[in-house]
Structure formats: C-alpha cells, structure tokens
Protein backbone atom coordinates (compact mmCIF):
# COMPACT_ATOMS: atom_id res chain seq x y z
CA MET A 1 52.86 -43.20 -55.24
CA PRO A 2 55.04 -42.17 -58.16
CA ASN A 3 55.96 -44.99 -60.50
CA THR A 4 59.38 -46.17 -59.27
CA SER A 5 59.98 -48.66 -62.07
CA ARG A 6 60.93 -46.00 -64.63
CA ALA A 7 62.98 -42.82 -64.66
CA SER A 8 61.13 -39.58 -63.97
CA ARG A 9 60.07 -37.61 -67.03
CA THR A 10 59.47 -34.57 -64.85
CA ALA A 11 63.20 -34.55 -64.11
CA VAL A 12 63.87 -34.26 -67.85
CA LEU A 13 61.42 -31.37 -68.25
CA VAL A 14 63.04 -29.48 -65.39
CA CYS A 15 66.50 -30.07 -66.85
CA GLN A 16 65.30 -28.85 -70.25
CA GLY A 17 64.06 -25.66 -68.60
CA ARG A 18 67.43 -25.04 -66.97
CA ALA A 19 69.28 -25.75 -70.23
CA ALA A 20 67.02 -23.34 -72.14
CA ALA A 21 67.62 -20.60 -69.56
CA ASP A 22 71.36 -21.07 -69.07
CA GLY A 23 73.08 -17.74 -69.68
CA LEU A 24 69.94 -16.17 -71.18
CA ILE A 25 67.56 -15.60 -68.27
CA ALA A 26 68.89 -13.65 -65.26
CA PRO A 27 72.51 -13.67 -66.49
CA GLY A 28 74.89 -13.21 -63.60
CA ARG A 29 72.35 -14.71 -61.19
CA PHE A 30 71.49 -17.95 -62.95
CA ALA A 31 73.66 -20.36 -64.89
CA ASP A 32 73.60 -24.12 -65.27
CA PRO A 33 76.23 -25.48 -67.66
CA THR A 34 75.46 -29.02 -66.47
CA ALA A 35 71.89 -29.05 -67.80
CA LEU A 36 72.51 -29.51 -71.52
CA PRO A 37 75.10 -32.31 -71.08
CA LEU A 38 72.59 -34.18 -68.88
CA LEU A 39 70.06 -34.26 -71.73
CA ARG A 40 69.98 -36.82 -74.50
CA THR A 41 70.16 -35.74 -78.14
CA ASP A 42 66.42 -35.83 -78.82
CA GLU A 43 65.71 -33.93 -75.58
CA ARG A 44 67.98 -31.06 -76.68
CA GLU A 45 65.97 -30.18 -79.78
CA ALA A 46 63.22 -28.26 -77.98
CA VAL A 47 65.88 -26.54 -75.87
CA ARG A 48 67.54 -25.27 -79.04
CA TRP A 49 64.23 -23.92 -80.37
CA VAL A 50 63.63 -21.98 -77.16
CA ARG A 51 67.16 -20.61 -76.96
CA GLU A 52 66.98 -19.44 -80.57
CA GLY A 53 63.43 -18.10 -80.19
CA LEU A 54 62.24 -20.21 -83.11
CA ALA A 55 58.71 -21.47 -82.50
CA PRO A 56 58.16 -24.47 -84.82
CA ARG A 57 55.00 -24.68 -86.91
CA PRO A 58 54.08 -28.39 -86.51
CA TRP A 59 51.71 -28.76 -83.56
CA ARG A 60 53.58 -31.49 -81.68
CA GLN A 61 56.86 -29.57 -81.82
CA ARG A 62 55.09 -26.33 -80.90
CA VAL A 63 53.72 -27.95 -77.73
CA ASP A 64 57.23 -29.12 -76.82
CA TYR A 65 58.57 -25.62 -77.45
CA GLU A 66 55.95 -23.94 -75.26
CA THR A 67 56.41 -26.52 -72.49
CA VAL A 68 60.17 -25.99 -72.30
CA ARG A 69 59.81 -22.20 -72.52
CA ALA A 70 57.33 -22.21 -69.61
CA ASN A 71 59.61 -24.47 -67.58
CA ALA A 72 62.54 -22.11 -68.09
CA GLU A 73 60.46 -19.22 -66.75
CA LEU A 74 59.46 -21.16 -63.64
CA ILE A 75 62.73 -22.92 -62.92
CA VAL A 76 65.06 -19.90 -62.88
CA PRO A 77 63.60 -18.10 -59.82
CA ARG A 78 63.18 -21.42 -58.01
CA THR A 79 66.80 -22.37 -58.61
CA VAL A 80 68.13 -18.94 -57.64
CA ALA A 81 66.11 -18.88 -54.41
CA ILE A 82 67.36 -22.30 -53.37
CA ASP A 83 70.97 -21.68 -54.39
CA ASP A 84 70.99 -18.44 -52.38
CA ALA A 85 69.70 -20.28 -49.31
CA VAL A 86 72.42 -22.91 -49.71
CA ARG A 87 75.18 -20.28 -50.04
CA ALA A 88 73.90 -18.32 -47.04
CA HIS A 89 74.19 -21.31 -44.73
CA PRO A 90 77.31 -23.34 -45.53
CA GLY A 91 77.62 -26.71 -43.86
CA PRO A 92 79.65 -29.91 -44.10
CA GLN A 93 76.86 -31.97 -45.72
CA LEU A 94 74.25 -31.33 -48.40
CA VAL A 95 71.44 -33.77 -49.14
CA ILE A 96 69.29 -33.30 -52.25
CA LEU A 97 66.01 -35.19 -51.88
CA GLY A 98 64.44 -36.38 -55.13
CA ALA A 99 67.45 -35.01 -57.01
CA GLY A 100 66.35 -35.92 -60.54
CA LEU A 101 68.82 -34.37 -62.99
CA ASP A 102 70.09 -31.77 -60.52
CA GLY A 103 73.57 -30.45 -61.31
CA ARG A 104 74.46 -28.63 -58.07
CA ALA A 105 77.18 -31.08 -57.02
CA TRP A 106 79.07 -30.23 -60.20
CA ARG A 107 78.17 -26.59 -60.87
CA MET A 108 78.32 -24.87 -57.45
CA PRO A 109 81.88 -23.95 -56.40
CA GLU A 110 80.56 -23.28 -52.89
CA LEU A 111 80.11 -27.04 -52.48
CA ALA A 112 83.82 -27.79 -52.86
CA GLY A 113 84.74 -29.66 -49.69
CA VAL A 114 81.08 -30.38 -48.89
CA THR A 115 79.88 -33.98 -48.94
CA VAL A 116 76.90 -34.01 -51.31
CA PHE A 117 74.33 -36.81 -51.24
CA GLU A 118 71.65 -37.28 -53.88
CA VAL A 119 68.58 -39.27 -52.87
CA ASP A 120 66.16 -40.54 -55.50
CA GLN A 121 64.20 -43.57 -56.57
CA PRO A 122 66.43 -46.27 -58.12
CA ALA A 123 65.29 -46.07 -61.76
CA THR A 124 65.74 -42.29 -61.96
CA GLN A 125 69.11 -42.56 -60.26
CA ARG A 126 70.37 -45.23 -62.67
CA ASP A 127 69.36 -42.98 -65.55
CA LYS A 128 71.07 -39.98 -63.92
CA ARG A 129 74.34 -41.84 -63.40
CA GLU A 130 74.48 -42.80 -67.06
CA ARG A 131 73.80 -39.24 -68.18
CA ALA A 132 76.35 -37.72 -65.76
CA GLU A 133 79.31 -39.88 -66.72
CA GLY A 134 80.93 -37.13 -68.80
CA LEU A 135 80.49 -34.27 -66.33
CA PRO A 136 83.76 -32.89 -64.94
CA GLY A 137 84.23 -32.57 -61.20
CA THR A 138 83.36 -34.59 -58.14
CA PRO A 139 80.04 -36.44 -58.35
CA PRO A 140 77.70 -36.72 -55.37
CA ARG A 141 77.18 -39.85 -53.33
CA PHE A 142 74.15 -41.52 -54.88
CA VAL A 143 71.63 -42.93 -52.40
CA PRO A 144 68.87 -44.97 -54.08
CA VAL A 145 65.69 -44.85 -52.00
CA ASP A 146 62.18 -46.07 -52.69
CA PHE A 147 60.28 -43.68 -50.42
CA GLY A 148 57.38 -46.14 -50.14
CA ARG A 149 59.59 -48.94 -48.88
CA ASP A 150 63.08 -47.89 -47.78
CA ARG A 151 64.12 -46.04 -44.62
CA LEU A 152 65.69 -42.71 -45.55
CA ALA A 153 67.83 -42.27 -42.43
CA GLU A 154 69.26 -45.79 -42.68
CA ALA A 155 70.01 -45.44 -46.39
CA LEU A 156 71.83 -42.16 -45.80
CA ALA A 157 73.83 -43.59 -42.88
CA ASP A 158 74.87 -46.55 -45.03
CA SER A 159 76.22 -44.04 -47.59
CA GLY A 160 78.27 -42.13 -45.02
CA HIS A 161 75.90 -39.39 -43.87
CA ARG A 162 76.66 -38.29 -40.31
CA SER A 163 73.74 -37.35 -38.09
CA ASP A 164 76.09 -35.60 -35.65
CA GLN A 165 77.04 -33.00 -38.25
CA ALA A 166 74.88 -30.20 -39.63
CA THR A 167 73.09 -30.94 -42.90
CA THR A 168 71.60 -28.66 -45.50
CA TRP A 169 68.57 -30.38 -47.05
CA VAL A 170 67.31 -29.38 -50.50
CA TRP A 171 63.80 -30.62 -51.22
CA GLU A 172 62.95 -29.11 -54.59
CA GLY A 173 60.04 -29.98 -56.88
CA VAL A 174 59.16 -33.16 -55.00
CA VAL A 175 56.55 -32.40 -52.33
CA PRO A 176 53.56 -32.15 -54.73
CA TYR A 177 54.18 -35.70 -55.96
CA LEU A 178 53.95 -37.14 -52.43
CA THR A 179 50.89 -37.73 -50.29
CA THR A 180 50.47 -35.80 -47.05
CA ALA A 181 51.47 -38.92 -45.13
CA GLN A 182 54.61 -39.36 -47.23
CA VAL A 183 55.62 -35.74 -46.74
CA THR A 184 55.14 -36.09 -42.99
CA ALA A 185 57.13 -39.34 -42.88
CA THR A 186 59.97 -37.77 -44.85
CA VAL A 187 60.17 -34.76 -42.52
CA THR A 188 60.21 -37.13 -39.54
CA ALA A 189 63.06 -39.11 -41.10
CA LEU A 190 65.25 -36.16 -42.00
CA ALA A 191 64.66 -34.55 -38.60
CA SER A 192 65.96 -37.71 -36.96
CA CYS A 193 69.35 -37.21 -38.62
CA SER A 194 69.56 -33.41 -38.51
CA ALA A 195 72.10 -32.08 -36.04
CA PRO A 196 71.79 -28.54 -34.64
CA ASN A 197 72.48 -25.82 -37.24
CA SER A 198 70.92 -27.93 -39.99
CA ARG A 199 68.84 -26.18 -42.64
CA LEU A 200 65.86 -27.42 -44.67
CA ILE A 201 65.01 -25.69 -47.95
CA VAL A 202 61.67 -26.96 -49.20
CA ASN A 203 59.74 -26.07 -52.34
CA PHE A 204 56.00 -26.79 -52.34
CA GLN A 205 52.79 -25.80 -54.08
CA LEU A 206 49.88 -23.83 -52.65
CA PRO A 207 46.32 -25.14 -52.97
CA GLY A 208 44.42 -23.41 -55.75
CA ARG A 209 42.06 -24.04 -58.62
CA SER A 210 44.22 -22.15 -61.13
CA ALA A 211 47.17 -24.49 -60.57
CA ALA A 212 44.97 -27.54 -61.06
CA LEU A 213 43.47 -25.99 -64.17
CA GLY A 214 46.93 -25.29 -65.58
CA ARG A 215 47.96 -28.91 -65.16
CA LEU A 216 44.72 -30.07 -66.78
CA ILE A 217 45.41 -27.85 -69.79
CA ALA A 218 48.95 -29.24 -70.00
CA ARG A 219 47.55 -32.77 -70.01
CA LEU A 220 45.09 -31.91 -72.76
CA LEU A 221 47.83 -30.33 -74.85
CA ALA A 222 49.95 -33.44 -74.52
CA ALA A 223 46.97 -35.60 -75.48
CA SER A 224 46.43 -33.43 -78.57
CA THR A 225 49.87 -34.48 -79.81
CA GLY A 226 49.03 -38.17 -79.47
CA ARG A 227 51.40 -38.71 -76.55
CA SER A 228 50.81 -39.53 -72.91
CA SER A 229 51.24 -36.63 -70.53
CA VAL A 230 53.95 -36.54 -67.90
CA TRP A 231 51.36 -34.82 -65.69
CA ALA A 232 49.07 -37.85 -65.98
CA ASN A 233 51.88 -40.31 -65.28
CA GLU A 234 53.32 -38.27 -62.41
CA PRO A 235 50.32 -36.50 -60.81
CA TRP A 236 50.31 -34.13 -57.87
CA ARG A 237 49.21 -35.69 -54.59
CA SER A 238 49.45 -32.88 -52.04
CA THR A 239 49.47 -29.11 -51.76
CA TRP A 240 50.28 -27.09 -48.66
CA THR A 241 49.60 -23.70 -47.16
CA PRO A 242 52.65 -21.94 -45.70
CA ALA A 243 51.09 -22.22 -42.23
CA ALA A 244 50.58 -25.97 -42.56
CA MET A 245 54.12 -26.56 -43.78
CA ALA A 246 55.58 -24.33 -41.05
CA ALA A 247 53.56 -26.19 -38.40
CA LEU A 248 54.78 -29.56 -39.67
CA LEU A 249 58.40 -28.42 -39.57
CA ALA A 250 57.99 -26.83 -36.13
CA ARG A 251 56.79 -30.15 -34.72
CA HIS A 252 60.12 -31.57 -35.82
CA GLY A 253 62.37 -28.83 -34.46
CA PHE A 254 62.69 -26.54 -37.50
CA THR A 255 61.97 -22.81 -37.33
CA VAL A 256 61.01 -20.98 -40.51
CA THR A 257 63.43 -18.15 -41.29
CA ARG A 258 62.21 -17.29 -44.79
CA ASP A 259 59.12 -18.03 -46.87
CA HIS A 260 58.40 -16.44 -50.23
CA ASP A 261 56.69 -17.19 -53.51
CA LEU A 262 58.50 -17.43 -56.82
CA LEU A 263 56.62 -14.50 -58.36
CA ASP A 264 58.33 -12.12 -55.91
CA THR A 265 61.67 -13.75 -56.73
CA ALA A 266 61.05 -13.46 -60.48
CA ARG A 267 60.18 -9.78 -60.16
CA ALA A 268 63.31 -9.11 -58.12
CA LEU A 269 65.38 -10.85 -60.80
CA HIS A 270 63.50 -9.08 -63.62
CA THR A 271 62.84 -12.44 -65.26
CA PRO A 272 59.78 -13.26 -67.39
CA SER A 273 56.52 -13.70 -65.47
CA GLN A 274 54.09 -14.66 -68.20
CA HIS A 275 52.95 -17.54 -65.98
CA ALA A 276 52.41 -15.33 -62.94
CA ARG A 277 49.82 -17.57 -61.28
CA SER A 278 52.08 -20.61 -61.45
CA LEU A 279 54.95 -18.59 -60.00
CA ALA A 280 52.75 -17.25 -57.21
CA HIS A 281 51.57 -20.75 -56.27
CA SER A 282 55.09 -22.13 -55.91
CA ARG A 283 56.92 -21.31 -52.69
CA VAL A 284 60.39 -21.79 -51.24
CA LEU A 285 60.52 -22.05 -47.47
CA VAL A 286 63.76 -22.02 -45.46
CA ALA A 287 63.78 -23.48 -41.95
CA ASP A 288 66.67 -23.89 -39.53
CA ARG A 289 67.26 -26.21 -36.61
CA THR A 290 68.92 -24.42 -33.73
C-alpha cells in the first residue's frame, strides 16, 4: 500500500513535468497554466532550468533537471490523450481518481457546468487544497479516501455524486501503485455507481523488464545525490496487459472503445520521444458502459 500518512511526491513530479511543458511542448494541443501555481517555490527551480534549457553542472541539480525533463516528455502525450477522451464524451459528472495535483477542474473550459470530484488519500488532498487556494475558478469537490480502508462509492455519495447519472472516470498514473486486488476492488466500486453512458479512462503500465530497469536506474540516481528516491517510497505494485485490463473491465460492464500506447500519441503530436520505451509501456484505455 502507498504511504497514506504523507503527501505524494509522485504528484509533485508529475506537476513539475506539466509546468515544464506548458506552452513549449505540443503548443496548441497541450497547455496547463495551473501547474506552476500548484508548485512551491523550491519545486519551481528545476522547472525553470528545463524551460530555459539550462542544464546545471552540480550533480544533484542535474539529476533534478533530467528527472523533470523526462517527466515533461512522458506527461504531455498522456495528458492530451486523456483530455481528448474527456472532451469526446461530455457528461454531467467527472471523477478523478488519485487526483494528486491535477488541474483539470480549473483549466478545462469543457468542464464548466460539470460537477468535478477529486478522490485521493487524505494527506495528499490536504496538501493539494493548500496549494490550490489561489487558483481562479470553481474548485472540485474533494473526496478524501484511504483506498485500503474507506469505501469509494459511499464516500462519493456522501459528497454528492449521483449513481443514476453518467460519470466520466479519469484514472491517471495510479494503477501501477496499487496491487492487483486493489485495482480489482476499485473497478468493482466505480462500476457500482456508474450509470449507463459512463466512461472510464484508465492509464496503466505494461509488464516489461525495461520499465523495471528504468525505475531502478532512477532510484540509483536519486541515491547518488544523497536523497531518498520517490520510486523507493512509492513503488509500483502491478502491471497489466491490455487484454487483462479489458477483461477486468468487461466483467464489470465496460466495453473498450480505444486502447493505445503513449509512443503513438507522442509521434502523432510530434513531441519528443527520447524515452521511447517508457512511452511505449504506458497505455491509455477508454471504456464505455452502454
């Protein structure tokens, strides 16, 4: 289980990647003006280095620079793929599972009039609410959930989610940090409160030695700077083949309508693909409940 007593550091890394890419990578297709305001002052330094293309010489700062630059490359196609799937299937409710420092509730004009719920573990959500105080616009409804203890459907209902209305579910960058049993339990829970015409957009990682090797290298690089690695503190716990994920969703009434890897998305966007293996191992699957 992820550590629920402290805010997620992965959420910060993802937000740094979006801030570094805002307006620079895939302009016209990707923008996230909420990312930089959600970061604290010290977290913005590496973002500035990447945006200015200034690789620092000191080793610790260079590792931070390379980490944020790699995140920007991976996050842009993932965000675009998910945003497109949200826009293509408008509905009255949007639920973001494991929201971290997601800015969709504020940055997507298509969500005006949509009730947006953000579900995350309590410590990360407290941190998010503090960071988001200055953002203009309508905030989401925050739903604190400890996935190892709380009941997702009940927590959503208590916050005003209606199971008789269609819901678009965004499950981005979370599945690898859950066990197979936790993923299955979450799908069961969200299916129980998904009316017809609901859509599930899920991002997951394929099994593969190269992905595991990449995370090991990232851990070693962090250790070389004298700091603990976010990958050690928040390890992956499950990977999925597209067939296995599709079968799980089918058992709960969802039919896959699109499934593609992020390398194809990056190539279509003409964005950097220096980390081609990582892009190819990350997938976005769209499934609808009819």
